[in-house]
Amino acid sequence: MADRVASRGAYLQAIAQLAALFLRADGDPGSLAELTGYRATTLKKNRPESAEDFAQRLLDGIYGGGGSPSKASNAGSPSRGPDGGGTPSKASGGGSPSQGH
């Protein structure tokens, strides 16, 4: 039970951090692409309705991979794939976002 509560707390913290990132970028797909390493075209195709919707979509993998709270904390230095897009750094582990768009 305690693990579930801790997991829920971590999830809510991730939502809050990613929502703040969305607000910092004023919801602009180009700015979000720079901050997250995801492609602006993918972000434009799947425009969120709110900051919380953006966070949920990112964690659900809508923008190209399994979500990780480290994306928000590593937002200043995403690593780019060979094509220049879409593979944010993952300091806390986990897979990297898929490139299928």
C-alpha atoms as a PDB file:
ATOM      1  CA  MET A   1       0.000   0.000   0.000  1.00  0.00           C
ATOM      2  CA  ALA A   2       2.784   2.441   0.893  1.00  0.00           C
ATOM      3  CA  ASP A   3       4.456   1.732  -2.462  1.00  0.00           C
ATOM      4  CA  ARG A   4       1.243   2.602  -4.270  1.00  0.00           C
ATOM      5  CA  VAL A   5       0.950   5.874  -2.349  1.00  0.00           C
ATOM      6  CA  ALA A   6       4.609   6.715  -3.077  1.00  0.00           C
ATOM      7  CA  SER A   7       4.106   5.885  -6.756  1.00  0.00           C
ATOM      8  CA  ARG A   8       1.017   8.088  -6.875  1.00  0.00           C
ATOM      9  CA  GLY A   9       2.982  10.908  -5.244  1.00  0.00           C
ATOM     10  CA  ALA A  10       5.793  10.569  -7.790  1.00  0.00           C
ATOM     11  CA  TYR A  11       3.251  10.536 -10.619  1.00  0.00           C
ATOM     12  CA  LEU A  12       1.557  13.699  -9.356  1.00  0.00           C
ATOM     13  CA  GLN A  13       4.945  15.368  -8.945  1.00  0.00           C
ATOM     14  CA  ALA A  14       5.827  14.463 -12.545  1.00  0.00           C
ATOM     15  CA  ILE A  15       2.516  15.904 -13.776  1.00  0.00           C
ATOM     16  CA  ALA A  16       3.204  19.142 -11.877  1.00  0.00           C
ATOM     17  CA  GLN A  17       6.772  19.442 -13.217  1.00  0.00           C
ATOM     18  CA  LEU A  18       5.761  18.762 -16.799  1.00  0.00           C
ATOM     19  CA  ALA A  19       2.784  21.115 -16.568  1.00  0.00           C
ATOM     20  CA  ALA A  20       5.164  23.843 -15.335  1.00  0.00           C
ATOM     21  CA  LEU A  21       7.394  23.149 -18.332  1.00  0.00           C
ATOM     22  CA  PHE A  22       4.391  23.620 -20.635  1.00  0.00           C
ATOM     23  CA  LEU A  23       3.552  26.916 -18.951  1.00  0.00           C
ATOM     24  CA  ARG A  24       7.183  28.049 -19.172  1.00  0.00           C
ATOM     25  CA  ALA A  25       6.979  27.523 -22.939  1.00  0.00           C
ATOM     26  CA  ASP A  26       3.583  29.260 -23.091  1.00  0.00           C
ATOM     27  CA  GLY A  27       2.309  26.085 -24.762  1.00  0.00           C
ATOM     28  CA  ASP A  28       4.293  26.852 -27.909  1.00  0.00           C
ATOM     29  CA  PRO A  29       5.181  23.607 -29.760  1.00  0.00           C
ATOM     30  CA  GLY A  30       8.490  25.037 -31.002  1.00  0.00           C
ATOM     31  CA  SER A  31       9.556  26.067 -27.506  1.00  0.00           C
ATOM     32  CA  LEU A  32       8.372  22.750 -26.066  1.00  0.00           C
ATOM     33  CA  ALA A  33      10.387  20.923 -28.722  1.00  0.00           C
ATOM     34  CA  GLU A  34      13.512  22.806 -27.653  1.00  0.00           C
ATOM     35  CA  LEU A  35      12.853  22.113 -23.971  1.00  0.00           C
ATOM     36  CA  THR A  36      11.930  18.438 -24.318  1.00  0.00           C
ATOM     37  CA  GLY A  37      13.777  17.198 -27.398  1.00  0.00           C
ATOM     38  CA  TYR A  38      10.565  15.995 -29.026  1.00  0.00           C
ATOM     39  CA  ARG A  39       9.667  17.058 -32.558  1.00  0.00           C
ATOM     40  CA  ALA A  40       7.619  20.241 -32.892  1.00  0.00           C
ATOM     41  CA  THR A  41       5.540  18.611 -35.645  1.00  0.00           C
ATOM     42  CA  THR A  42       4.547  15.801 -33.276  1.00  0.00           C
ATOM     43  CA  LEU A  43       3.657  18.302 -30.568  1.00  0.00           C
ATOM     44  CA  LYS A  44       1.603  20.331 -33.076  1.00  0.00           C
ATOM     45  CA  LYS A  45      -0.305  17.264 -34.294  1.00  0.00           C
ATOM     46  CA  ASN A  46      -1.243  16.347 -30.737  1.00  0.00           C
ATOM     47  CA  ARG A  47      -1.878  19.758 -29.195  1.00  0.00           C
ATOM     48  CA  PRO A  48      -2.940  19.485 -25.580  1.00  0.00           C
ATOM     49  CA  GLU A  49      -5.913  21.351 -24.148  1.00  0.00           C
ATOM     50  CA  SER A  50      -4.045  22.379 -20.991  1.00  0.00           C
ATOM     51  CA  ALA A  51      -0.739  22.131 -19.169  1.00  0.00           C
ATOM     52  CA  GLU A  52      -1.984  19.062 -17.298  1.00  0.00           C
ATOM     53  CA  ASP A  53      -3.160  17.490 -20.564  1.00  0.00           C
ATOM     54  CA  PHE A  54       0.324  18.026 -22.014  1.00  0.00           C
ATOM     55  CA  ALA A  55       1.904  16.343 -18.992  1.00  0.00           C
ATOM     56  CA  GLN A  56      -0.489  13.400 -19.200  1.00  0.00           C
ATOM     57  CA  ARG A  57       0.080  12.977 -22.953  1.00  0.00           C
ATOM     58  CA  LEU A  58       3.835  13.086 -22.497  1.00  0.00           C
ATOM     59  CA  LEU A  59       3.741  10.477 -19.721  1.00  0.00           C
ATOM     60  CA  ASP A  60       1.384   8.314 -21.801  1.00  0.00           C
ATOM     61  CA  GLY A  61       3.910   8.317 -24.661  1.00  0.00           C
ATOM     62  CA  ILE A  62       1.726  10.279 -27.100  1.00  0.00           C
ATOM     63  CA  TYR A  63       4.723  12.373 -28.129  1.00  0.00           C
ATOM     64  CA  GLY A  64       6.966   9.434 -28.808  1.00  0.00           C
ATOM     65  CA  GLY A  65       7.829   7.340 -25.791  1.00  0.00           C
ATOM     66  CA  GLY A  66       7.260   6.244 -22.250  1.00  0.00           C
ATOM     67  CA  GLY A  67       7.197   9.205 -19.927  1.00  0.00           C
ATOM     68  CA  SER A  68       9.818   9.961 -17.331  1.00  0.00           C
ATOM     69  CA  PRO A  69       9.891  12.820 -14.850  1.00  0.00           C
ATOM     70  CA  SER A  70      13.557  13.307 -15.754  1.00  0.00           C
ATOM     71  CA  LYS A  71      12.472  14.995 -18.981  1.00  0.00           C
ATOM     72  CA  ALA A  72      11.481  18.103 -17.084  1.00  0.00           C
ATOM     73  CA  SER A  73      14.626  18.137 -14.999  1.00  0.00           C
ATOM     74  CA  ASN A  74      16.829  17.525 -18.055  1.00  0.00           C
ATOM     75  CA  ALA A  75      14.922  19.950 -20.238  1.00  0.00           C
ATOM     76  CA  GLY A  76      17.870  22.286 -20.589  1.00  0.00           C
ATOM     77  CA  SER A  77      20.067  19.678 -22.240  1.00  0.00           C
ATOM     78  CA  PRO A  78      18.173  17.142 -24.346  1.00  0.00           C
ATOM     79  CA  SER A  79      20.302  14.856 -26.441  1.00  0.00           C
ATOM     80  CA  ARG A  80      19.318  14.746 -30.067  1.00  0.00           C
ATOM     81  CA  GLY A  81      19.181  11.766 -32.381  1.00  0.00           C
ATOM     82  CA  PRO A  82      21.085  11.618 -35.666  1.00  0.00           C
ATOM     83  CA  ASP A  83      18.203  13.365 -37.444  1.00  0.00           C
ATOM     84  CA  GLY A  84      18.250  16.225 -34.939  1.00  0.00           C
ATOM     85  CA  GLY A  85      15.078  15.341 -33.107  1.00  0.00           C
ATOM     86  CA  GLY A  86      13.278  13.450 -30.524  1.00  0.00           C
ATOM     87  CA  THR A  87      15.480  11.595 -28.068  1.00  0.00           C
ATOM     88  CA  PRO A  88      15.515  13.382 -24.723  1.00  0.00           C
ATOM     89  CA  SER A  89      18.154  12.413 -22.226  1.00  0.00           C
ATOM     90  CA  LYS A  90      17.066  10.019 -19.505  1.00  0.00           C
ATOM     91  CA  ALA A  91      19.237  10.426 -16.428  1.00  0.00           C
ATOM     92  CA  SER A  92      16.938   8.252 -14.337  1.00  0.00           C
ATOM     93  CA  GLY A  93      16.898   5.353 -16.790  1.00  0.00           C
ATOM     94  CA  GLY A  94      14.035   3.877 -18.758  1.00  0.00           C
ATOM     95  CA  GLY A  95      13.864   3.563 -22.509  1.00  0.00           C
ATOM     96  CA  SER A  96      14.199   6.300 -25.016  1.00  0.00           C
ATOM     97  CA  PRO A  97      11.233   7.634 -26.983  1.00  0.00           C
ATOM     98  CA  SER A  98      10.477   5.885 -30.222  1.00  0.00           C
ATOM     99  CA  GLN A  99      11.136   7.706 -33.440  1.00  0.00           C
ATOM    100  CA  GLY A 100       7.952   6.576 -35.188  1.00  0.00           C
ATOM    101  CA  HIS A 101       5.909   9.650 -36.091  1.00  0.00           C
END
